[in-house]
Amino acid sequence: MADFIIAALPWIIFGVVNAVVLVDLQKKNKVRNIENIEEVNTLKKKENTEEDDYMSIGMSIGMCIGIGISLLFMKAFGTKVLIYGVCFGMLGGMMVGTLIKKK
C-alpha cells in the first residue's frame, strides 16, 4: 500500500496543480472579457509595453563572452569553468544592460 501511495503521489500533486492553474486562467479570462472597445485597447497597450533597457541583449552577449573567456581556462581547471563562465557572463551582461537605457 505504501508503494502505491509513493507512486501515485506525484500524479495527484500534478493534477491538483493543473486544476489550480486552470481555474486561475479562467478567472483572468473572465476579467478580460470587457465589452468597451476603449478599455480593451488601453488594456492591450499596458500589456504590450516595451522594456526601457537592454537587459536581455546584454545577458546574451555576456553569456557568449563568458563562454569565450572560460574556454581559455578550460585546460587548467576542467569543464566546470564553463558553468562559471556562463553564470558570470550573464550576470555581467545583465548589469551592463540594465545600466544602458533605450532612447
PDB file of N, CA and C in Angstrom:
ATOM      1  N   MET A   1       0.823  -1.193   0.000  1.00  0.00           N
ATOM      2  CA  MET A   1       0.000   0.000   0.000  1.00  0.00           C
ATOM      3  C   MET A   1       0.870   1.262   0.000  1.00  0.00           C
ATOM      4  N   ALA A   2       1.956   1.238   0.760  1.00  0.00           N
ATOM      5  CA  ALA A   2       2.834   2.400   0.820  1.00  0.00           C
ATOM      6  C   ALA A   2       3.499   2.647  -0.535  1.00  0.00           C
ATOM      7  N   ASP A   3       3.832   1.571  -1.249  1.00  0.00           N
ATOM      8  CA  ASP A   3       4.425   1.732  -2.576  1.00  0.00           C
ATOM      9  C   ASP A   3       3.449   2.406  -3.540  1.00  0.00           C
ATOM     10  N   PHE A   4       2.181   2.042  -3.431  1.00  0.00           N
ATOM     11  CA  PHE A   4       1.169   2.655  -4.289  1.00  0.00           C
ATOM     12  C   PHE A   4       1.042   4.150  -3.992  1.00  0.00           C
ATOM     13  N   ILE A   5       1.043   4.521  -2.732  1.00  0.00           N
ATOM     14  CA  ILE A   5       0.913   5.931  -2.359  1.00  0.00           C
ATOM     15  C   ILE A   5       2.129   6.717  -2.835  1.00  0.00           C
ATOM     16  N   ILE A   6       3.306   6.144  -2.675  1.00  0.00           N
ATOM     17  CA  ILE A   6       4.527   6.824  -3.125  1.00  0.00           C
ATOM     18  C   ILE A   6       4.523   6.976  -4.650  1.00  0.00           C
ATOM     19  N   ALA A   7       3.998   5.984  -5.368  1.00  0.00           N
ATOM     20  CA  ALA A   7       3.953   6.062  -6.827  1.00  0.00           C
ATOM     21  C   ALA A   7       2.863   7.016  -7.308  1.00  0.00           C
ATOM     22  N   ALA A   8       1.750   7.108  -6.601  1.00  0.00           N
ATOM     23  CA  ALA A   8       0.625   7.921  -7.051  1.00  0.00           C
ATOM     24  C   ALA A   8       0.714   9.368  -6.591  1.00  0.00           C
ATOM     25  N   LEU A   9       1.479   9.653  -5.569  1.00  0.00           N
ATOM     26  CA  LEU A   9       1.534  10.997  -5.006  1.00  0.00           C
ATOM     27  C   LEU A   9       1.970  12.068  -6.011  1.00  0.00           C
ATOM     28  N   PRO A  10       3.007  11.844  -6.834  1.00  0.00           N
ATOM     29  CA  PRO A  10       3.358  12.880  -7.821  1.00  0.00           C
ATOM     30  C   PRO A  10       2.228  13.158  -8.807  1.00  0.00           C
ATOM     31  N   TRP A  11       1.485  12.138  -9.203  1.00  0.00           N
ATOM     32  CA  TRP A  11       0.375  12.338 -10.137  1.00  0.00           C
ATOM     33  C   TRP A  11      -0.770  13.111  -9.484  1.00  0.00           C
ATOM     34  N   ILE A  12      -1.010  12.856  -8.226  1.00  0.00           N
ATOM     35  CA  ILE A  12      -2.059  13.586  -7.505  1.00  0.00           C
ATOM     36  C   ILE A  12      -1.674  15.055  -7.373  1.00  0.00           C
ATOM     37  N   ILE A  13      -0.429  15.309  -7.015  1.00  0.00           N
ATOM     38  CA  ILE A  13       0.037  16.695  -6.893  1.00  0.00           C
ATOM     39  C   ILE A  13      -0.014  17.392  -8.243  1.00  0.00           C
ATOM     40  N   PHE A  14       0.363  16.698  -9.296  1.00  0.00           N
ATOM     41  CA  PHE A  14       0.323  17.253 -10.645  1.00  0.00           C
ATOM     42  C   PHE A  14      -1.108  17.629 -11.028  1.00  0.00           C
ATOM     43  N   GLY A  15      -2.062  16.785 -10.716  1.00  0.00           N
ATOM     44  CA  GLY A  15      -3.461  17.068 -11.029  1.00  0.00           C
ATOM     45  C   GLY A  15      -4.000  18.256 -10.259  1.00  0.00           C
ATOM     46  N   VAL A  16      -3.644  18.355  -8.988  1.00  0.00           N
ATOM     47  CA  VAL A  16      -4.112  19.486  -8.178  1.00  0.00           C
ATOM     48  C   VAL A  16      -3.510  20.796  -8.689  1.00  0.00           C
ATOM     49  N   VAL A  17      -2.235  20.785  -9.023  1.00  0.00           N
ATOM     50  CA  VAL A  17      -1.591  21.994  -9.535  1.00  0.00           C
ATOM     51  C   VAL A  17      -2.215  22.407 -10.858  1.00  0.00           C
ATOM     52  N   ASN A  18      -2.470  21.454 -11.748  1.00  0.00           N
ATOM     53  CA  ASN A  18      -3.124  21.780 -13.019  1.00  0.00           C
ATOM     54  C   ASN A  18      -4.507  22.364 -12.798  1.00  0.00           C
ATOM     55  N   ALA A  19      -5.270  21.818 -11.870  1.00  0.00           N
ATOM     56  CA  ALA A  19      -6.606  22.337 -11.588  1.00  0.00           C
ATOM     57  C   ALA A  19      -6.532  23.773 -11.084  1.00  0.00           C
ATOM     58  N   VAL A  20      -5.588  24.058 -10.202  1.00  0.00           N
ATOM     59  CA  VAL A  20      -5.452  25.413  -9.666  1.00  0.00           C
ATOM     60  C   VAL A  20      -5.055  26.392 -10.768  1.00  0.00           C
ATOM     61  N   VAL A  21      -4.127  25.992 -11.617  1.00  0.00           N
ATOM     62  CA  VAL A  21      -3.686  26.871 -12.705  1.00  0.00           C
ATOM     63  C   VAL A  21      -4.822  27.129 -13.684  1.00  0.00           C
ATOM     64  N   LEU A  22      -5.581  26.104 -14.038  1.00  0.00           N
ATOM     65  CA  LEU A  22      -6.683  26.282 -14.984  1.00  0.00           C
ATOM     66  C   LEU A  22      -7.781  27.172 -14.411  1.00  0.00           C
ATOM     67  N   VAL A  23      -8.087  27.033 -13.146  1.00  0.00           N
ATOM     68  CA  VAL A  23      -9.091  27.905 -12.522  1.00  0.00           C
ATOM     69  C   VAL A  23      -8.601  29.347 -12.507  1.00  0.00           C
ATOM     70  N   ASP A  24      -7.328  29.554 -12.215  1.00  0.00           N
ATOM     71  CA  ASP A  24      -6.769  30.900 -12.207  1.00  0.00           C
ATOM     72  C   ASP A  24      -6.824  31.527 -13.595  1.00  0.00           C
ATOM     73  N   LEU A  25      -6.479  30.761 -14.631  1.00  0.00           N
ATOM     74  CA  LEU A  25      -6.556  31.273 -16.003  1.00  0.00           C
ATOM     75  C   LEU A  25      -7.986  31.599 -16.401  1.00  0.00           C
ATOM     76  N   GLN A  26      -8.917  30.787 -15.968  1.00  0.00           N
ATOM     77  CA  GLN A  26     -10.314  31.028 -16.299  1.00  0.00           C
ATOM     78  C   GLN A  26     -10.799  32.321 -15.645  1.00  0.00           C
ATOM     79  N   LYS A  27     -10.399  32.583 -14.414  1.00  0.00           N
ATOM     80  CA  LYS A  27     -10.780  33.826 -13.744  1.00  0.00           C
ATOM     81  C   LYS A  27     -10.182  35.034 -14.443  1.00  0.00           C
ATOM     82  N   LYS A  28      -8.938  34.920 -14.892  1.00  0.00           N
ATOM     83  CA  LYS A  28      -8.306  36.038 -15.596  1.00  0.00           C
ATOM     84  C   LYS A  28      -9.003  36.307 -16.917  1.00  0.00           C
ATOM     85  N   ASN A  29      -9.413  35.251 -17.628  1.00  0.00           N
ATOM     86  CA  ASN A  29     -10.103  35.440 -18.898  1.00  0.00           C
ATOM     87  C   ASN A  29     -11.463  36.085 -18.707  1.00  0.00           C
ATOM     88  N   LYS A  30     -12.155  35.814 -17.603  1.00  0.00           N
ATOM     89  CA  LYS A  30     -13.436  36.456 -17.336  1.00  0.00           C
ATOM     90  C   LYS A  30     -13.245  37.948 -17.108  1.00  0.00           C
ATOM     91  N   VAL A  31     -12.171  38.322 -16.448  1.00  0.00           N
ATOM     92  CA  VAL A  31     -11.908  39.738 -16.208  1.00  0.00           C
ATOM     93  C   VAL A  31     -11.592  40.435 -17.523  1.00  0.00           C
ATOM     94  N   ARG A  32     -10.932  39.742 -18.429  1.00  0.00           N
ATOM     95  CA  ARG A  32     -10.527  40.352 -19.697  1.00  0.00           C
ATOM     96  C   ARG A  32     -11.663  40.458 -20.711  1.00  0.00           C
ATOM     97  N   ASN A  33     -12.787  39.834 -20.469  1.00  0.00           N
ATOM     98  CA  ASN A  33     -13.912  39.939 -21.389  1.00  0.00           C
ATOM     99  C   ASN A  33     -14.647  41.251 -21.147  1.00  0.00           C
ATOM    100  N   ILE A  34     -14.056  42.312 -21.614  1.00  0.00           N
ATOM    101  CA  ILE A  34     -14.603  43.653 -21.442  1.00  0.00           C
ATOM    102  C   ILE A  34     -15.269  44.049 -22.757  1.00  0.00           C
ATOM    103  N   GLU A  35     -16.475  44.597 -22.667  1.00  0.00           N
ATOM    104  CA  GLU A  35     -17.211  44.922 -23.887  1.00  0.00           C
ATOM    105  C   GLU A  35     -16.862  46.298 -24.437  1.00  0.00           C
ATOM    106  N   ASN A  36     -16.329  47.164 -23.635  1.00  0.00           N
ATOM    107  CA  ASN A  36     -15.993  48.501 -24.090  1.00  0.00           C
ATOM    108  C   ASN A  36     -14.681  48.447 -24.873  1.00  0.00           C
ATOM    109  N   ILE A  37     -14.700  48.891 -26.114  1.00  0.00           N
ATOM    110  CA  ILE A  37     -13.533  48.786 -27.005  1.00  0.00           C
ATOM    111  C   ILE A  37     -12.384  49.652 -26.498  1.00  0.00           C
ATOM    112  N   GLU A  38     -12.673  50.808 -25.956  1.00  0.00           N
ATOM    113  CA  GLU A  38     -11.603  51.677 -25.467  1.00  0.00           C
ATOM    114  C   GLU A  38     -10.860  51.039 -24.297  1.00  0.00           C
ATOM    115  N   GLU A  39     -11.589  50.380 -23.433  1.00  0.00           N
ATOM    116  CA  GLU A  39     -10.931  49.717 -22.310  1.00  0.00           C
ATOM    117  C   GLU A  39     -10.074  48.554 -22.779  1.00  0.00           C
ATOM    118  N   VAL A  40     -10.520  47.854 -23.827  1.00  0.00           N
ATOM    119  CA  VAL A  40      -9.739  46.754 -24.386  1.00  0.00           C
ATOM    120  C   VAL A  40      -8.450  47.287 -24.988  1.00  0.00           C
ATOM    121  N   ASN A  41      -8.535  48.409 -25.696  1.00  0.00           N
ATOM    122  CA  ASN A  41      -7.336  48.982 -26.305  1.00  0.00           C
ATOM    123  C   ASN A  41      -6.340  49.449 -25.257  1.00  0.00           C
ATOM    124  N   THR A  42      -6.817  50.083 -24.184  1.00  0.00           N
ATOM    125  CA  THR A  42      -5.891  50.524 -23.140  1.00  0.00           C
ATOM    126  C   THR A  42      -5.279  49.330 -22.424  1.00  0.00           C
ATOM    127  N   LEU A  43      -6.054  48.250 -22.263  1.00  0.00           N
ATOM    128  CA  LEU A  43      -5.515  47.044 -21.626  1.00  0.00           C
ATOM    129  C   LEU A  43      -4.428  46.425 -22.488  1.00  0.00           C
ATOM    130  N   LYS A  44      -4.621  46.395 -23.820  1.00  0.00           N
ATOM    131  CA  LYS A  44      -3.599  45.855 -24.721  1.00  0.00           C
ATOM    132  C   LYS A  44      -2.346  46.714 -24.715  1.00  0.00           C
ATOM    133  N   LYS A  45      -2.509  48.025 -24.627  1.00  0.00           N
ATOM    134  CA  LYS A  45      -1.345  48.899 -24.592  1.00  0.00           C
ATOM    135  C   LYS A  45      -0.530  48.675 -23.332  1.00  0.00           C
ATOM    136  N   LYS A  46      -1.200  48.438 -22.207  1.00  0.00           N
ATOM    137  CA  LYS A  46      -0.490  48.191 -20.964  1.00  0.00           C
ATOM    138  C   LYS A  46       0.260  46.867 -21.003  1.00  0.00           C
ATOM    139  N   GLU A  47      -0.319  45.853 -21.674  1.00  0.00           N
ATOM    140  CA  GLU A  47       0.334  44.545 -21.742  1.00  0.00           C
ATOM    141  C   GLU A  47       1.507  44.545 -22.705  1.00  0.00           C
ATOM    142  N   ASN A  48       1.470  45.397 -23.718  1.00  0.00           N
ATOM    143  CA  ASN A  48       2.498  45.389 -24.757  1.00  0.00           C
ATOM    144  C   ASN A  48       3.565  46.454 -24.538  1.00  0.00           C
ATOM    145  N   THR A  49       3.761  46.882 -23.320  1.00  0.00           N
ATOM    146  CA  THR A  49       4.792  47.885 -23.074  1.00  0.00           C
ATOM    147  C   THR A  49       6.170  47.267 -23.267  1.00  0.00           C
ATOM    148  N   GLU A  50       7.039  48.041 -23.884  1.00  0.00           N
ATOM    149  CA  GLU A  50       8.391  47.547 -24.146  1.00  0.00           C
ATOM    150  C   GLU A  50       9.295  47.849 -22.956  1.00  0.00           C
ATOM    151  N   GLU A  51      10.345  47.085 -22.855  1.00  0.00           N
ATOM    152  CA  GLU A  51      11.325  47.341 -21.809  1.00  0.00           C
ATOM    153  C   GLU A  51      12.110  48.593 -22.166  1.00  0.00           C
ATOM    154  N   ASP A  52      12.600  49.280 -21.159  1.00  0.00           N
ATOM    155  CA  ASP A  52      13.343  50.504 -21.411  1.00  0.00           C
ATOM    156  C   ASP A  52      14.847  50.325 -21.240  1.00  0.00           C
ATOM    157  N   ASP A  53      15.311  49.062 -21.187  1.00  0.00           N
ATOM    158  CA  ASP A  53      16.741  48.818 -21.096  1.00  0.00           C
ATOM    159  C   ASP A  53      17.109  47.619 -21.969  1.00  0.00           C
ATOM    160  N   TYR A  54      18.400  47.337 -22.022  1.00  0.00           N
ATOM    161  CA  TYR A  54      18.933  46.270 -22.877  1.00  0.00           C
ATOM    162  C   TYR A  54      19.349  45.050 -22.058  1.00  0.00           C
ATOM    163  N   MET A  55      18.555  44.644 -21.083  1.00  0.00           N
ATOM    164  CA  MET A  55      18.955  43.564 -20.196  1.00  0.00           C
ATOM    165  C   MET A  55      19.090  42.237 -20.943  1.00  0.00           C
ATOM    166  N   SER A  56      18.107  41.874 -21.762  1.00  0.00           N
ATOM    167  CA  SER A  56      18.159  40.567 -22.435  1.00  0.00           C
ATOM    168  C   SER A  56      19.295  40.513 -23.455  1.00  0.00           C
ATOM    169  N   ILE A  57      19.516  41.605 -24.161  1.00  0.00           N
ATOM    170  CA  ILE A  57      20.612  41.636 -25.133  1.00  0.00           C
ATOM    171  C   ILE A  57      21.951  41.570 -24.404  1.00  0.00           C
ATOM    172  N   GLY A  58      22.059  42.289 -23.293  1.00  0.00           N
ATOM    173  CA  GLY A  58      23.293  42.253 -22.506  1.00  0.00           C
ATOM    174  C   GLY A  58      23.579  40.873 -21.956  1.00  0.00           C
ATOM    175  N   MET A  59      22.530  40.180 -21.509  1.00  0.00           N
ATOM    176  CA  MET A  59      22.725  38.820 -20.988  1.00  0.00           C
ATOM    177  C   MET A  59      23.202  37.885 -22.090  1.00  0.00           C
ATOM    178  N   SER A  60      22.647  38.022 -23.292  1.00  0.00           N
ATOM    179  CA  SER A  60      23.058  37.159 -24.402  1.00  0.00           C
ATOM    180  C   SER A  60      24.520  37.402 -24.778  1.00  0.00           C
ATOM    181  N   ILE A  61      24.882  38.651 -24.919  1.00  0.00           N
ATOM    182  CA  ILE A  61      26.262  38.976 -25.281  1.00  0.00           C
ATOM    183  C   ILE A  61      27.213  38.586 -24.150  1.00  0.00           C
ATOM    184  N   GLY A  62      26.808  38.836 -22.904  1.00  0.00           N
ATOM    185  CA  GLY A  62      27.636  38.472 -21.761  1.00  0.00           C
ATOM    186  C   GLY A  62      27.853  36.979 -21.658  1.00  0.00           C
ATOM    187  N   MET A  63      26.824  36.191 -21.989  1.00  0.00           N
ATOM    188  CA  MET A  63      26.970  34.739 -21.951  1.00  0.00           C
ATOM    189  C   MET A  63      27.992  34.281 -22.996  1.00  0.00           C
ATOM    190  N   CYS A  64      27.923  34.862 -24.184  1.00  0.00           N
ATOM    191  CA  CYS A  64      28.892  34.498 -25.219  1.00  0.00           C
ATOM    192  C   CYS A  64      30.313  34.876 -24.818  1.00  0.00           C
ATOM    193  N   ILE A  65      30.459  36.064 -24.251  1.00  0.00           N
ATOM    194  CA  ILE A  65      31.785  36.490 -23.814  1.00  0.00           C
ATOM    195  C   ILE A  65      32.276  35.621 -22.660  1.00  0.00           C
ATOM    196  N   GLY A  66      31.379  35.273 -21.739  1.00  0.00           N
ATOM    197  CA  GLY A  66      31.755  34.415 -20.618  1.00  0.00           C
ATOM    198  C   GLY A  66      32.202  33.043 -21.059  1.00  0.00           C
ATOM    199  N   ILE A  67      31.524  32.475 -22.053  1.00  0.00           N
ATOM    200  CA  ILE A  67      31.940  31.170 -22.582  1.00  0.00           C
ATOM    201  C   ILE A  67      33.300  31.296 -23.267  1.00  0.00           C
ATOM    202  N   GLY A  68      33.489  32.374 -24.021  1.00  0.00           N
ATOM    203  CA  GLY A  68      34.769  32.576 -24.691  1.00  0.00           C
ATOM    204  C   GLY A  68      35.917  32.692 -23.718  1.00  0.00           C
ATOM    205  N   ILE A  69      35.720  33.433 -22.651  1.00  0.00           N
ATOM    206  CA  ILE A  69      36.785  33.587 -21.648  1.00  0.00           C
ATOM    207  C   ILE A  69      37.014  32.280 -20.900  1.00  0.00           C
ATOM    208  N   SER A  70      35.916  31.563 -20.597  1.00  0.00           N
ATOM    209  CA  SER A  70      36.085  30.317 -19.841  1.00  0.00           C
ATOM    210  C   SER A  70      36.768  29.234 -20.680  1.00  0.00           C
ATOM    211  N   LEU A  71      36.660  29.309 -21.994  1.00  0.00           N
ATOM    212  CA  LEU A  71      37.362  28.331 -22.834  1.00  0.00           C
ATOM    213  C   LEU A  71      38.879  28.478 -22.713  1.00  0.00           C
ATOM    214  N   LEU A  72      39.342  29.693 -22.400  1.00  0.00           N
ATOM    215  CA  LEU A  72      40.773  29.895 -22.225  1.00  0.00           C
ATOM    216  C   LEU A  72      41.305  29.179 -20.987  1.00  0.00           C
ATOM    217  N   PHE A  73      40.452  29.024 -19.967  1.00  0.00           N
ATOM    218  CA  PHE A  73      40.861  28.398 -18.717  1.00  0.00           C
ATOM    219  C   PHE A  73      40.419  26.951 -18.591  1.00  0.00           C
ATOM    220  N   MET A  74      39.890  26.376 -19.657  1.00  0.00           N
ATOM    221  CA  MET A  74      39.348  25.026 -19.574  1.00  0.00           C
ATOM    222  C   MET A  74      40.435  23.969 -19.372  1.00  0.00           C
ATOM    223  N   LYS A  75      41.592  24.142 -19.964  1.00  0.00           N
ATOM    224  CA  LYS A  75      42.665  23.156 -19.790  1.00  0.00           C
ATOM    225  C   LYS A  75      43.184  23.149 -18.358  1.00  0.00           C
ATOM    226  N   ALA A  76      43.216  24.303 -17.751  1.00  0.00           N
ATOM    227  CA  ALA A  76      43.773  24.395 -16.400  1.00  0.00           C
ATOM    228  C   ALA A  76      42.791  23.920 -15.333  1.00  0.00           C
ATOM    229  N   PHE A  77      41.499  24.241 -15.490  1.00  0.00           N
ATOM    230  CA  PHE A  77      40.538  23.971 -14.425  1.00  0.00           C
ATOM    231  C   PHE A  77      39.472  22.932 -14.777  1.00  0.00           C
ATOM    232  N   GLY A  78      39.410  22.483 -16.007  1.00  0.00           N
ATOM    233  CA  GLY A  78      38.423  21.478 -16.402  1.00  0.00           C
ATOM    234  C   GLY A  78      37.141  22.108 -16.923  1.00  0.00           C
ATOM    235  N   THR A  79      36.139  21.258 -17.112  1.00  0.00           N
ATOM    236  CA  THR A  79      34.900  21.718 -17.737  1.00  0.00           C
ATOM    237  C   THR A  79      34.000  22.507 -16.788  1.00  0.00           C
ATOM    238  N   LYS A  80      34.284  22.453 -15.487  1.00  0.00           N
ATOM    239  CA  LYS A  80      33.456  23.211 -14.538  1.00  0.00           C
ATOM    240  C   LYS A  80      33.568  24.713 -14.759  1.00  0.00           C
ATOM    241  N   VAL A  81      34.648  25.144 -15.350  1.00  0.00           N
ATOM    242  CA  VAL A  81      34.844  26.570 -15.577  1.00  0.00           C
ATOM    243  C   VAL A  81      33.835  27.105 -16.595  1.00  0.00           C
ATOM    244  N   LEU A  82      33.281  26.255 -17.449  1.00  0.00           N
ATOM    245  CA  LEU A  82      32.253  26.690 -18.394  1.00  0.00           C
ATOM    246  C   LEU A  82      30.991  27.160 -17.664  1.00  0.00           C
ATOM    247  N   ILE A  83      30.640  26.478 -16.599  1.00  0.00           N
ATOM    248  CA  ILE A  83      29.461  26.854 -15.819  1.00  0.00           C
ATOM    249  C   ILE A  83      29.650  28.250 -15.241  1.00  0.00           C
ATOM    250  N   TYR A  84      30.811  28.483 -14.665  1.00  0.00           N
ATOM    251  CA  TYR A  84      31.073  29.794 -14.084  1.00  0.00           C
ATOM    252  C   TYR A  84      31.163  30.872 -15.161  1.00  0.00           C
ATOM    253  N   GLY A  85      31.684  30.517 -16.316  1.00  0.00           N
ATOM    254  CA  GLY A  85      31.756  31.482 -17.411  1.00  0.00           C
ATOM    255  C   GLY A  85      30.386  31.928 -17.871  1.00  0.00           C
ATOM    256  N   VAL A  86      29.470  30.973 -17.996  1.00  0.00           N
ATOM    257  CA  VAL A  86      28.112  31.306 -18.407  1.00  0.00           C
ATOM    258  C   VAL A  86      27.430  32.156 -17.335  1.00  0.00           C
ATOM    259  N   CYS A  87      27.544  31.735 -16.078  1.00  0.00           N
ATOM    260  CA  CYS A  87      26.859  32.444 -14.986  1.00  0.00           C
ATOM    261  C   CYS A  87      27.377  33.865 -14.827  1.00  0.00           C
ATOM    262  N   PHE A  88      28.680  34.013 -14.720  1.00  0.00           N
ATOM    263  CA  PHE A  88      29.221  35.350 -14.502  1.00  0.00           C
ATOM    264  C   PHE A  88      29.116  36.217 -15.754  1.00  0.00           C
ATOM    265  N   GLY A  89      29.174  35.604 -16.933  1.00  0.00           N
ATOM    266  CA  GLY A  89      28.974  36.370 -18.159  1.00  0.00           C
ATOM    267  C   GLY A  89      27.564  36.925 -18.251  1.00  0.00           C
ATOM    268  N   MET A  90      26.573  36.091 -17.925  1.00  0.00           N
ATOM    269  CA  MET A  90      25.194  36.571 -17.946  1.00  0.00           C
ATOM    270  C   MET A  90      24.971  37.636 -16.875  1.00  0.00           C
ATOM    271  N   LEU A  91      25.543  37.453 -15.701  1.00  0.00           N
ATOM    272  CA  LEU A  91      25.398  38.433 -14.632  1.00  0.00           C
ATOM    273  C   LEU A  91      26.003  39.773 -15.031  1.00  0.00           C
ATOM    274  N   GLY A  92      27.207  39.722 -15.576  1.00  0.00           N
ATOM    275  CA  GLY A  92      27.848  40.964 -16.011  1.00  0.00           C
ATOM    276  C   GLY A  92      27.094  41.637 -17.140  1.00  0.00           C
ATOM    277  N   GLY A  93      26.615  40.836 -18.099  1.00  0.00           N
ATOM    278  CA  GLY A  93      25.837  41.395 -19.202  1.00  0.00           C
ATOM    279  C   GLY A  93      24.522  41.991 -18.732  1.00  0.00           C
ATOM    280  N   MET A  94      23.907  41.356 -17.743  1.00  0.00           N
ATOM    281  CA  MET A  94      22.657  41.885 -17.205  1.00  0.00           C
ATOM    282  C   MET A  94      22.899  43.219 -16.504  1.00  0.00           C
ATOM    283  N   MET A  95      23.992  43.312 -15.748  1.00  0.00           N
ATOM    284  CA  MET A  95      24.284  44.567 -15.047  1.00  0.00           C
ATOM    285  C   MET A  95      24.567  45.684 -16.044  1.00  0.00           C
ATOM    286  N   VAL A  96      25.357  45.387 -17.073  1.00  0.00           N
ATOM    287  CA  VAL A  96      25.669  46.415 -18.065  1.00  0.00           C
ATOM    288  C   VAL A  96      24.412  46.771 -18.864  1.00  0.00           C
ATOM    289  N   GLY A  97      23.597  45.762 -19.214  1.00  0.00           N
ATOM    290  CA  GLY A  97      22.389  46.017 -19.998  1.00  0.00           C
ATOM    291  C   GLY A  97      21.358  46.843 -19.262  1.00  0.00           C
ATOM    292  N   THR A  98      21.252  46.680 -17.959  1.00  0.00           N
ATOM    293  CA  THR A  98      20.277  47.473 -17.207  1.00  0.00           C
ATOM    294  C   THR A  98      20.761  48.905 -16.979  1.00  0.00           C
ATOM    295  N   LEU A  99      22.058  49.114 -17.042  1.00  0.00           N
ATOM    296  CA  LEU A  99      22.558  50.477 -16.873  1.00  0.00           C
ATOM    297  C   LEU A  99      22.355  51.331 -18.129  1.00  0.00           C
ATOM    298  N   ILE A 100      22.265  50.687 -19.299  1.00  0.00           N
ATOM    299  CA  ILE A 100      22.083  51.407 -20.551  1.00  0.00           C
ATOM    300  C   ILE A 100      20.588  51.477 -20.849  1.00  0.00           C
ATOM    301  N   LYS A 101      20.048  52.676 -20.912  1.00  0.00           N
ATOM    302  CA  LYS A 101      18.612  52.872 -21.153  1.00  0.00           C
ATOM    303  C   LYS A 101      18.358  53.133 -22.629  1.00  0.00           C
ATOM    304  N   LYS A 102      17.207  52.671 -23.125  1.00  0.00           N
ATOM    305  CA  LYS A 102      16.813  52.928 -24.504  1.00  0.00           C
ATOM    306  C   LYS A 102      16.345  54.366 -24.633  1.00  0.00           C
ATOM    307  N   LYS A 103      16.587  54.941 -25.799  1.00  0.00           N
ATOM    308  CA  LYS A 103      16.155  56.323 -26.032  1.00  0.00           C
ATOM    309  C   LYS A 103      14.843  56.351 -26.771  1.00  0.00           C
TER     310      LYS A 103
END
